[in-house]
Protein backbone atom coordinates (compact mmCIF):
# COMPACT_ATOMS: atom_id res chain seq x y z
CA MET A 1 55.17 -22.93 20.78
CA VAL A 2 53.64 -21.04 18.08
CA ILE A 3 50.36 -21.80 16.78
CA GLN A 4 49.18 -20.72 13.93
CA GLU A 5 45.29 -19.44 14.52
CA LEU A 6 43.68 -19.10 10.80
CA GLY A 7 39.68 -18.71 10.04
CA TRP A 8 39.49 -15.93 12.74
CA ASP A 9 36.24 -13.59 12.09
CA GLU A 10 34.34 -11.20 14.45
CA ASP A 11 31.98 -14.25 15.81
CA THR A 12 35.62 -16.05 17.40
CA ASP A 13 36.29 -16.36 20.59
CA ASP A 14 38.47 -13.72 22.33
CA GLY A 15 38.72 -14.72 25.86
CA LEU A 16 39.03 -18.12 24.85
CA ARG A 17 41.82 -16.16 22.41
CA LEU A 18 43.10 -14.53 25.23
CA GLU A 19 43.49 -17.52 27.27
CA ILE A 20 46.24 -19.64 24.84
CA GLU A 21 48.26 -16.81 24.64
CA ASP A 22 48.58 -17.43 27.88
CA ALA A 23 49.00 -19.93 28.11
CA ILE A 24 52.31 -20.12 25.46
CA ASP A 25 53.35 -17.07 26.30
CA ALA A 26 53.64 -15.68 22.35
CA ASP A 27 51.00 -14.08 20.14
CA MET A 28 50.02 -16.10 17.84
CA VAL A 29 50.78 -16.24 14.39
CA ASP A 30 48.51 -15.26 11.16
CA GLY A 31 48.57 -16.95 7.81
CA ASP A 32 51.45 -14.94 6.44
CA HIS A 33 53.70 -16.34 9.25
CA GLY A 34 56.33 -18.42 6.02
CA ASN A 35 57.52 -20.93 8.74
CA VAL A 36 57.22 -24.42 10.17
CA VAL A 37 54.60 -23.86 13.30
CA ASP A 38 53.81 -26.36 16.15
CA ALA A 39 49.89 -26.35 16.31
CA VAL A 40 46.73 -24.53 13.82
CA LEU A 41 44.02 -23.44 15.51
CA LEU A 42 41.51 -22.90 12.64
CA TRP A 43 38.04 -21.47 13.65
CA TRP A 44 35.15 -22.70 10.79
CA ARG A 45 31.66 -22.58 10.04
CA ASP A 46 28.97 -24.36 8.30
CA ASP A 47 29.12 -21.87 5.70
CA ASP A 48 33.40 -20.87 5.62
CA GLY A 49 33.26 -23.18 2.30
CA ASP A 50 34.83 -26.79 1.47
CA LEU A 51 36.67 -28.33 4.96
CA VAL A 52 38.79 -30.94 3.11
CA ASP A 53 40.49 -27.16 1.31
CA ALA A 54 40.31 -25.30 5.11
CA LEU A 55 42.35 -28.64 5.97
CA VAL A 56 44.93 -28.54 3.57
CA ASP A 57 45.57 -25.05 3.55
CA ALA A 58 46.11 -25.89 7.50
CA LEU A 59 49.27 -28.55 6.95
CA THR A 60 51.54 -26.02 4.93
CA ASP A 61 53.03 -24.40 7.74
CA LEU A 62 52.66 -27.24 10.76
CA VAL A 63 55.59 -29.30 11.28
CA GLY A 64 55.35 -33.54 10.56
CA GLY A 65 53.42 -35.06 13.91
CA GLY A 66 52.08 -31.15 14.39
CA VAL A 67 48.35 -30.70 15.85
CA ILE A 68 45.11 -29.13 14.23
CA TRP A 69 43.00 -27.76 16.59
CA LEU A 70 39.19 -27.66 13.97
CA PHE A 71 36.86 -24.71 16.29
CA THR A 72 34.02 -25.17 15.49
CA PRO A 73 29.91 -23.27 16.35
CA LYS A 74 28.74 -26.49 19.02
CA VAL A 75 25.76 -28.08 17.87
CA GLY A 76 22.68 -25.99 18.28
CA ARG A 77 24.47 -22.26 17.19
CA PRO A 78 24.36 -20.18 14.25
CA ASN A 79 26.53 -22.04 10.97
CA ALA A 80 27.38 -25.46 13.66
CA VAL A 81 29.60 -27.78 11.69
CA ASP A 82 28.16 -31.61 11.76
CA ALA A 83 30.23 -33.49 13.19
CA ALA A 84 30.01 -36.71 9.89
CA ASP A 85 31.08 -33.38 8.21
CA ILE A 86 34.43 -32.65 10.56
CA SER A 87 34.32 -37.24 10.34
CA GLU A 88 33.94 -36.95 6.29
CA ALA A 89 37.16 -34.30 5.53
CA ALA A 90 39.75 -35.00 8.19
CA PRO A 91 41.40 -38.27 6.06
CA ILE A 92 40.48 -36.90 2.97
CA ALA A 93 43.08 -33.91 4.11
CA GLY A 94 45.19 -36.72 5.17
CA LEU A 95 44.74 -36.29 9.27
CA SER A 96 43.04 -38.35 11.77
CA GLN A 97 40.88 -36.98 14.31
CA THR A 98 41.81 -37.80 18.13
CA THR A 99 39.43 -36.01 21.15
CA THR A 100 36.46 -33.49 20.42
CA ALA A 101 35.77 -30.87 23.31
CA SER A 102 33.93 -27.75 24.69
CA VAL A 103 36.19 -25.35 24.56
CA SER A 104 33.55 -22.51 25.60
CA SER A 105 30.07 -21.83 25.63
CA GLU A 106 30.06 -21.21 22.04
CA TRP A 107 32.67 -23.19 20.66
CA ALA A 108 33.86 -26.89 20.32
CA ALA A 109 37.58 -28.18 19.80
CA THR A 110 38.27 -30.96 17.34
CA ARG A 111 42.09 -32.62 18.06
CA LEU A 112 43.14 -33.53 14.12
CA VAL A 113 46.92 -34.93 14.38
CA ALA A 114 49.28 -34.84 10.83
CA PRO A 115 50.91 -37.31 9.96
CA LYS A 116 54.90 -37.93 11.63
CA SER A 117 57.13 -36.77 9.29
CA ALA A 118 58.81 -39.36 7.22
CA HIS A 119 62.55 -37.49 6.75
């Protein structure tokens, strides 16, 4: 499985990143990967800009039917993203929101599914 990581910064959870890499038995790739990926892990904060644009960009290398895991700071944490912003941005970007889960003490993850390819 190839996972592309976007939005990494000093505040990301390195322990969680290592757990993901252990689970897939590989390093995550960055935005310069240039090939299709099975999933995208997008770290996103309230002050990062336009979420719709970021989600559309995250779809660039994603295989049809792939998954975007949107990691956002939990409610009450600095730069937390309002759940309504995610619910609004996902369908505009052509994604369906399925699940939200706590993935660490600081971060929550929202699973967004891309439509299956028509070919």
